[in-house]
């Protein structure tokens, strides 16, 4: 269950509020969305998961294989 207000989201991991000011969130987070299809036990369901950075780090620390990480060399794109 997701509770979303006009100015915040709640982290699914810890329940902490992720605050938004002037249409910009004050911290980054993972927004995972999955439309389940055939051959799953969740066929026809749409899931959404929000994780703050701390909960993401905690979750990925439990994985057998870590996420693939690539460094960005350009942070802004003009044009």
PDB file of N, CA and C in Angstrom:
ATOM      1  N   UNK A   1       0.846  -1.181   0.000  1.00  0.00           N
ATOM      2  CA  UNK A   1       0.000   0.000   0.000  1.00  0.00           C
ATOM      3  C   UNK A   1       0.888   1.239   0.000  1.00  0.00           C
ATOM      4  N   UNK A   2       0.598   2.170  -0.853  1.00  0.00           N
ATOM      5  CA  UNK A   2       1.393   3.384  -0.963  1.00  0.00           C
ATOM      6  C   UNK A   2       0.569   4.564  -0.524  1.00  0.00           C
ATOM      7  N   UNK A   3       1.137   5.317   0.364  1.00  0.00           N
ATOM      8  CA  UNK A   3       0.510   6.584   0.724  1.00  0.00           C
ATOM      9  C   UNK A   3       1.366   7.681   0.130  1.00  0.00           C
ATOM     10  N   UNK A   4       0.764   8.435  -0.754  1.00  0.00           N
ATOM     11  CA  UNK A   4       1.474   9.517  -1.424  1.00  0.00           C
ATOM     12  C   UNK A   4       0.690  10.800  -1.227  1.00  0.00           C
ATOM     13  N   UNK A   5       1.398  11.817  -0.789  1.00  0.00           N
ATOM     14  CA  UNK A   5       0.757  13.121  -0.657  1.00  0.00           C
ATOM     15  C   UNK A   5       1.328  14.033  -1.734  1.00  0.00           C
ATOM     16  N   UNK A   6       0.802  15.214  -1.816  1.00  0.00           N
ATOM     17  CA  UNK A   6       1.267  16.154  -2.829  1.00  0.00           C
ATOM     18  C   UNK A   6       2.732  16.521  -2.634  1.00  0.00           C
ATOM     19  N   UNK A   7       3.224  16.480  -1.393  1.00  0.00           N
ATOM     20  CA  UNK A   7       4.577  16.952  -1.127  1.00  0.00           C
ATOM     21  C   UNK A   7       5.533  15.869  -0.652  1.00  0.00           C
ATOM     22  N   UNK A   8       5.140  14.574  -0.684  1.00  0.00           N
ATOM     23  CA  UNK A   8       6.051  13.541  -0.208  1.00  0.00           C
ATOM     24  C   UNK A   8       5.668  12.162  -0.721  1.00  0.00           C
ATOM     25  N   UNK A   9       6.617  11.251  -0.644  1.00  0.00           N
ATOM     26  CA  UNK A   9       6.413   9.824  -0.864  1.00  0.00           C
ATOM     27  C   UNK A   9       6.871   9.126   0.404  1.00  0.00           C
ATOM     28  N   UNK A  10       6.439   7.888   0.604  1.00  0.00           N
ATOM     29  CA  UNK A  10       6.898   7.096   1.742  1.00  0.00           C
ATOM     30  C   UNK A  10       7.754   5.948   1.236  1.00  0.00           C
ATOM     31  N   UNK A  11       8.904   5.742   1.873  1.00  0.00           N
ATOM     32  CA  UNK A  11       9.785   4.627   1.542  1.00  0.00           C
ATOM     33  C   UNK A  11       9.108   3.328   1.980  1.00  0.00           C
ATOM     34  N   UNK A  12       9.049   2.337   1.082  1.00  0.00           N
ATOM     35  CA  UNK A  12       8.464   1.045   1.425  1.00  0.00           C
ATOM     36  C   UNK A  12       9.313   0.281   2.430  1.00  0.00           C
ATOM     37  N   UNK A  13      10.600   0.583   2.515  1.00  0.00           N
ATOM     38  CA  UNK A  13      11.483  -0.135   3.419  1.00  0.00           C
ATOM     39  C   UNK A  13      11.369   0.306   4.872  1.00  0.00           C
ATOM     40  N   UNK A  14      11.459   1.596   5.101  1.00  0.00           N
ATOM     41  CA  UNK A  14      11.481   2.102   6.479  1.00  0.00           C
ATOM     42  C   UNK A  14      10.279   2.974   6.816  1.00  0.00           C
ATOM     43  N   UNK A  15       9.488   3.362   5.808  1.00  0.00           N
ATOM     44  CA  UNK A  15       8.309   4.186   6.042  1.00  0.00           C
ATOM     45  C   UNK A  15       8.594   5.667   6.160  1.00  0.00           C
ATOM     46  N   UNK A  16       9.863   6.044   5.999  1.00  0.00           N
ATOM     47  CA  UNK A  16      10.248   7.454   6.125  1.00  0.00           C
ATOM     48  C   UNK A  16       9.703   8.273   4.969  1.00  0.00           C
ATOM     49  N   UNK A  17       9.340   9.528   5.270  1.00  0.00           N
ATOM     50  CA  UNK A  17       8.842  10.452   4.256  1.00  0.00           C
ATOM     51  C   UNK A  17       9.983  10.979   3.408  1.00  0.00           C
ATOM     52  N   UNK A  18       9.785  10.965   2.096  1.00  0.00           N
ATOM     53  CA  UNK A  18      10.714  11.583   1.157  1.00  0.00           C
ATOM     54  C   UNK A  18      10.055  12.894   0.734  1.00  0.00           C
ATOM     55  N   UNK A  19      10.627  13.992   1.194  1.00  0.00           N
ATOM     56  CA  UNK A  19      10.008  15.313   1.058  1.00  0.00           C
ATOM     57  C   UNK A  19      10.263  15.925  -0.315  1.00  0.00           C
ATOM     58  N   UNK A  20       9.223  16.550  -0.857  1.00  0.00           N
ATOM     59  CA  UNK A  20       9.310  17.257  -2.130  1.00  0.00           C
ATOM     60  C   UNK A  20       9.022  18.729  -1.880  1.00  0.00           C
ATOM     61  N   UNK A  21       9.895  19.582  -2.405  1.00  0.00           N
ATOM     62  CA  UNK A  21       9.703  21.030  -2.330  1.00  0.00           C
ATOM     63  C   UNK A  21       9.881  21.609  -3.723  1.00  0.00           C
ATOM     64  N   UNK A  22       8.960  22.462  -4.128  1.00  0.00           N
ATOM     65  CA  UNK A  22       9.019  23.093  -5.453  1.00  0.00           C
ATOM     66  C   UNK A  22       9.159  22.045  -6.558  1.00  0.00           C
ATOM     67  N   UNK A  23       8.404  20.953  -6.439  1.00  0.00           N
ATOM     68  CA  UNK A  23       8.372  19.860  -7.417  1.00  0.00           C
ATOM     69  C   UNK A  23       9.681  19.097  -7.538  1.00  0.00           C
ATOM     70  N   UNK A  24      10.592  19.248  -6.565  1.00  0.00           N
ATOM     71  CA  UNK A  24      11.874  18.534  -6.578  1.00  0.00           C
ATOM     72  C   UNK A  24      12.043  17.809  -5.243  1.00  0.00           C
ATOM     73  N   UNK A  25      12.370  16.505  -5.294  1.00  0.00           N
ATOM     74  CA  UNK A  25      12.614  15.763  -4.058  1.00  0.00           C
ATOM     75  C   UNK A  25      13.965  16.148  -3.490  1.00  0.00           C
ATOM     76  N   UNK A  26      14.046  16.263  -2.177  1.00  0.00           N
ATOM     77  CA  UNK A  26      15.266  16.701  -1.495  1.00  0.00           C
ATOM     78  C   UNK A  26      16.303  15.599  -1.400  1.00  0.00           C
ATOM     79  N   UNK A  27      15.955  14.379  -1.781  1.00  0.00           N
ATOM     80  CA  UNK A  27      16.906  13.276  -1.820  1.00  0.00           C
ATOM     81  C   UNK A  27      16.482  12.317  -2.926  1.00  0.00           C
ATOM     82  N   UNK A  28      17.428  11.526  -3.390  1.00  0.00           N
ATOM     83  CA  UNK A  28      17.128  10.594  -4.462  1.00  0.00           C
ATOM     84  C   UNK A  28      16.601   9.283  -3.890  1.00  0.00           C
ATOM     85  N   UNK A  29      15.917   8.508  -4.701  1.00  0.00           N
ATOM     86  CA  UNK A  29      15.320   7.249  -4.262  1.00  0.00           C
ATOM     87  C   UNK A  29      15.137   6.343  -5.469  1.00  0.00           C
ATOM     88  N   UNK A  30      14.882   5.070  -5.207  1.00  0.00           N
ATOM     89  CA  UNK A  30      14.601   4.092  -6.252  1.00  0.00           C
ATOM     90  C   UNK A  30      13.089   4.009  -6.422  1.00  0.00           C
ATOM     91  N   UNK A  31      12.624   4.103  -7.654  1.00  0.00           N
ATOM     92  CA  UNK A  31      11.209   3.972  -7.983  1.00  0.00           C
ATOM     93  C   UNK A  31      11.097   2.768  -8.921  1.00  0.00           C
ATOM     94  N   UNK A  32      10.743   1.622  -8.366  1.00  0.00           N
ATOM     95  CA  UNK A  32      10.675   0.372  -9.117  1.00  0.00           C
ATOM     96  C   UNK A  32       9.227   0.063  -9.455  1.00  0.00           C
ATOM     97  N   UNK A  33       8.951  -0.167 -10.727  1.00  0.00           N
ATOM     98  CA  UNK A  33       7.593  -0.497 -11.177  1.00  0.00           C
ATOM     99  C   UNK A  33       7.657  -1.775 -11.998  1.00  0.00           C
ATOM    100  N   UNK A  34       6.705  -2.654 -11.744  1.00  0.00           N
ATOM    101  CA  UNK A  34       6.663  -3.935 -12.451  1.00  0.00           C
ATOM    102  C   UNK A  34       5.231  -4.279 -12.820  1.00  0.00           C
ATOM    103  N   UNK A  35       4.997  -4.532 -14.105  1.00  0.00           N
ATOM    104  CA  UNK A  35       3.712  -5.050 -14.584  1.00  0.00           C
ATOM    105  C   UNK A  35       3.885  -6.550 -14.741  1.00  0.00           C
ATOM    106  N   UNK A  36       3.274  -7.313 -13.853  1.00  0.00           N
ATOM    107  CA  UNK A  36       3.403  -8.760 -13.886  1.00  0.00           C
ATOM    108  C   UNK A  36       2.570  -9.329 -15.016  1.00  0.00           C
ATOM    109  N   UNK A  37       3.107 -10.352 -15.668  1.00  0.00           N
ATOM    110  CA  UNK A  37       2.434 -10.948 -16.805  1.00  0.00           C
ATOM    111  C   UNK A  37       2.225 -12.439 -16.637  1.00  0.00           C
ATOM    112  N   UNK A  38       2.033 -13.083 -17.744  1.00  0.00           N
ATOM    113  CA  UNK A  38       1.807 -14.524 -17.758  1.00  0.00           C
ATOM    114  C   UNK A  38       2.977 -15.250 -17.105  1.00  0.00           C
ATOM    115  N   UNK A  39       2.698 -16.430 -16.619  1.00  0.00           N
ATOM    116  CA  UNK A  39       3.686 -17.316 -16.011  1.00  0.00           C
ATOM    117  C   UNK A  39       4.220 -16.776 -14.684  1.00  0.00           C
ATOM    118  N   UNK A  40       3.478 -15.894 -14.048  1.00  0.00           N
ATOM    119  CA  UNK A  40       3.823 -15.446 -12.700  1.00  0.00           C
ATOM    120  C   UNK A  40       2.613 -15.660 -11.805  1.00  0.00           C
ATOM    121  N   UNK A  41       2.848 -15.665 -10.510  1.00  0.00           N
ATOM    122  CA  UNK A  41       1.743 -15.777  -9.557  1.00  0.00           C
ATOM    123  C   UNK A  41       1.036 -14.430  -9.366  1.00  0.00           C
ATOM    124  N   UNK A  42       1.521 -13.400 -10.011  1.00  0.00           N
ATOM    125  CA  UNK A  42       0.961 -12.048  -9.872  1.00  0.00           C
ATOM    126  C   UNK A  42       0.410 -11.534 -11.200  1.00  0.00           C
ATOM    127  N   UNK A  43       0.023 -12.449 -12.077  1.00  0.00           N
ATOM    128  CA  UNK A  43      -0.489 -12.095 -13.395  1.00  0.00           C
ATOM    129  C   UNK A  43      -1.561 -11.014 -13.292  1.00  0.00           C
ATOM    130  N   UNK A  44      -1.448  -9.999 -14.100  1.00  0.00           N
ATOM    131  CA  UNK A  44      -2.329  -8.824 -14.212  1.00  0.00           C
ATOM    132  C   UNK A  44      -2.141  -7.790 -13.104  1.00  0.00           C
ATOM    133  N   UNK A  45      -1.210  -7.999 -12.187  1.00  0.00           N
ATOM    134  CA  UNK A  45      -0.984  -7.015 -11.116  1.00  0.00           C
ATOM    135  C   UNK A  45       0.130  -6.051 -11.513  1.00  0.00           C
ATOM    136  N   UNK A  46      -0.002  -4.795 -11.092  1.00  0.00           N
ATOM    137  CA  UNK A  46       1.039  -3.782 -11.255  1.00  0.00           C
ATOM    138  C   UNK A  46       1.564  -3.427  -9.870  1.00  0.00           C
ATOM    139  N   UNK A  47       2.866  -3.528  -9.680  1.00  0.00           N
ATOM    140  CA  UNK A  47       3.481  -3.235  -8.390  1.00  0.00           C
ATOM    141  C   UNK A  47       4.369  -2.006  -8.518  1.00  0.00           C
ATOM    142  N   UNK A  48       4.451  -1.225  -7.438  1.00  0.00           N
ATOM    143  CA  UNK A  48       5.356  -0.083  -7.363  1.00  0.00           C
ATOM    144  C   UNK A  48       6.027  -0.115  -6.001  1.00  0.00           C
ATOM    145  N   UNK A  49       7.326   0.153  -6.002  1.00  0.00           N
ATOM    146  CA  UNK A  49       8.126   0.093  -4.788  1.00  0.00           C
ATOM    147  C   UNK A  49       9.037   1.312  -4.751  1.00  0.00           C
ATOM    148  N   UNK A  50       8.987   2.060  -3.654  1.00  0.00           N
ATOM    149  CA  UNK A  50       9.863   3.217  -3.453  1.00  0.00           C
ATOM    150  C   UNK A  50      10.837   2.875  -2.331  1.00  0.00           C
ATOM    151  N   UNK A  51      12.134   3.068  -2.570  1.00  0.00           N
ATOM    152  CA  UNK A  51      13.145   2.827  -1.538  1.00  0.00           C
ATOM    153  C   UNK A  51      14.063   4.036  -1.419  1.00  0.00           C
ATOM    154  N   UNK A  52      14.261   4.510  -0.183  1.00  0.00           N
ATOM    155  CA  UNK A  52      15.257   5.559   0.053  1.00  0.00           C
ATOM    156  C   UNK A  52      16.645   4.936  -0.167  1.00  0.00           C
ATOM    157  N   UNK A  53      17.664   5.751  -0.231  1.00  0.00           N
ATOM    158  CA  UNK A  53      19.010   5.240  -0.508  1.00  0.00           C
ATOM    159  C   UNK A  53      19.496   4.279   0.568  1.00  0.00           C
ATOM    160  N   UNK A  54      19.204   4.551   1.840  1.00  0.00           N
ATOM    161  CA  UNK A  54      19.625   3.649   2.916  1.00  0.00           C
ATOM    162  C   UNK A  54      18.979   2.275   2.785  1.00  0.00           C
ATOM    163  N   UNK A  55      17.684   2.233   2.480  1.00  0.00           N
ATOM    164  CA  UNK A  55      16.986   0.947   2.323  1.00  0.00           C
ATOM    165  C   UNK A  55      17.466   0.216   1.081  1.00  0.00           C
ATOM    166  N   UNK A  56      17.767   0.945   0.016  1.00  0.00           N
ATOM    167  CA  UNK A  56      18.333   0.336  -1.186  1.00  0.00           C
ATOM    168  C   UNK A  56      19.661  -0.336  -0.851  1.00  0.00           C
ATOM    169  N   UNK A  57      20.529   0.383  -0.122  1.00  0.00           N
ATOM    170  CA  UNK A  57      21.826  -0.185   0.261  1.00  0.00           C
ATOM    171  C   UNK A  57      21.648  -1.429   1.129  1.00  0.00           C
ATOM    172  N   UNK A  58      20.702  -1.379   2.051  1.00  0.00           N
ATOM    173  CA  UNK A  58      20.432  -2.523   2.922  1.00  0.00           C
ATOM    174  C   UNK A  58      19.937  -3.722   2.100  1.00  0.00           C
ATOM    175  N   UNK A  59      19.010  -3.474   1.183  1.00  0.00           N
ATOM    176  CA  UNK A  59      18.460  -4.545   0.357  1.00  0.00           C
ATOM    177  C   UNK A  59      19.516  -5.152  -0.565  1.00  0.00           C
ATOM    178  N   UNK A  60      20.273  -4.319  -1.255  1.00  0.00           N
ATOM    179  CA  UNK A  60      21.277  -4.844  -2.186  1.00  0.00           C
ATOM    180  C   UNK A  60      22.409  -5.554  -1.451  1.00  0.00           C
ATOM    181  N   UNK A  61      22.612  -5.216  -0.179  1.00  0.00           N
ATOM    182  CA  UNK A  61      23.614  -5.920   0.625  1.00  0.00           C
ATOM    183  C   UNK A  61      23.216  -7.358   0.925  1.00  0.00           C
ATOM    184  N   UNK A  62      21.943  -7.696   0.778  1.00  0.00           N
ATOM    185  CA  UNK A  62      21.456  -9.057   1.020  1.00  0.00           C
ATOM    186  C   UNK A  62      21.502  -9.939  -0.223  1.00  0.00           C
ATOM    187  N   UNK A  63      21.725  -9.344  -1.388  1.00  0.00           N
ATOM    188  CA  UNK A  63      21.690 -10.087  -2.639  1.00  0.00           C
ATOM    189  C   UNK A  63      22.939 -10.945  -2.819  1.00  0.00           C
ATOM    190  N   UNK A  64      22.780 -12.106  -3.432  1.00  0.00           N
ATOM    191  CA  UNK A  64      23.916 -12.985  -3.737  1.00  0.00           C
ATOM    192  C   UNK A  64      24.803 -12.326  -4.789  1.00  0.00           C
ATOM    193  N   UNK A  65      24.187 -11.757  -5.812  1.00  0.00           N
ATOM    194  CA  UNK A  65      24.921 -11.031  -6.842  1.00  0.00           C
ATOM    195  C   UNK A  65      24.578  -9.549  -6.719  1.00  0.00           C
ATOM    196  N   UNK A  66      25.577  -8.689  -6.564  1.00  0.00           N
ATOM    197  CA  UNK A  66      25.293  -7.254  -6.408  1.00  0.00           C
ATOM    198  C   UNK A  66      24.788  -6.657  -7.710  1.00  0.00           C
ATOM    199  N   UNK A  67      24.138  -5.495  -7.625  1.00  0.00           N
ATOM    200  CA  UNK A  67      23.692  -4.837  -8.857  1.00  0.00           C
ATOM    201  C   UNK A  67      24.889  -4.418  -9.702  1.00  0.00           C
ATOM    202  N   UNK A  68      24.683  -4.369 -10.997  1.00  0.00           N
ATOM    203  CA  UNK A  68      25.712  -3.876 -11.900  1.00  0.00           C
ATOM    204  C   UNK A  68      25.774  -2.368 -11.767  1.00  0.00           C
ATOM    205  N   UNK A  69      26.962  -1.835 -11.572  1.00  0.00           N
ATOM    206  CA  UNK A  69      27.137  -0.393 -11.365  1.00  0.00           C
ATOM    207  C   UNK A  69      28.049   0.169 -12.449  1.00  0.00           C
ATOM    208  N   UNK A  70      27.596   1.227 -13.077  1.00  0.00           N
ATOM    209  CA  UNK A  70      28.393   1.941 -14.066  1.00  0.00           C
ATOM    210  C   UNK A  70      28.453   3.401 -13.656  1.00  0.00           C
ATOM    211  N   UNK A  71      29.620   4.008 -13.747  1.00  0.00           N
ATOM    212  CA  UNK A  71      29.788   5.415 -13.397  1.00  0.00           C
ATOM    213  C   UNK A  71      29.371   6.290 -14.573  1.00  0.00           C
ATOM    214  N   UNK A  72      28.685   7.379 -14.284  1.00  0.00           N
ATOM    215  CA  UNK A  72      28.324   8.375 -15.293  1.00  0.00           C
ATOM    216  C   UNK A  72      29.482   9.362 -15.420  1.00  0.00           C
ATOM    217  N   UNK A  73      29.837   9.690 -16.640  1.00  0.00           N
ATOM    218  CA  UNK A  73      30.900  10.662 -16.842  1.00  0.00           C
ATOM    219  C   UNK A  73      30.338  12.049 -17.156  1.00  0.00           C
ATOM    220  N   UNK A  74      29.096  12.102 -17.658  1.00  0.00           N
ATOM    221  CA  UNK A  74      28.449  13.375 -17.936  1.00  0.00           C
ATOM    222  C   UNK A  74      27.151  13.446 -17.133  1.00  0.00           C
ATOM    223  N   UNK A  75      27.013  14.467 -16.325  1.00  0.00           N
ATOM    224  CA  UNK A  75      25.836  14.586 -15.488  1.00  0.00           C
ATOM    225  C   UNK A  75      24.758  15.460 -16.081  1.00  0.00           C
ATOM    226  N   UNK A  76      25.110  16.330 -16.996  1.00  0.00           N
ATOM    227  CA  UNK A  76      24.132  17.203 -17.632  1.00  0.00           C
ATOM    228  C   UNK A  76      24.136  16.997 -19.134  1.00  0.00           C
ATOM    229  N   UNK A  77      22.960  17.048 -19.708  1.00  0.00           N
ATOM    230  CA  UNK A  77      22.842  16.943 -21.153  1.00  0.00           C
ATOM    231  C   UNK A  77      22.158  18.209 -21.651  1.00  0.00           C
ATOM    232  N   UNK A  78      22.788  18.883 -22.587  1.00  0.00           N
ATOM    233  CA  UNK A  78      22.214  20.107 -23.134  1.00  0.00           C
ATOM    234  C   UNK A  78      21.795  19.830 -24.576  1.00  0.00           C
ATOM    235  N   UNK A  79      20.578  20.259 -24.894  1.00  0.00           N
ATOM    236  CA  UNK A  79      20.135  20.134 -26.274  1.00  0.00           C
ATOM    237  C   UNK A  79      19.105  19.145 -26.407  1.00  0.00           C
TER     238      UNK A  79
END
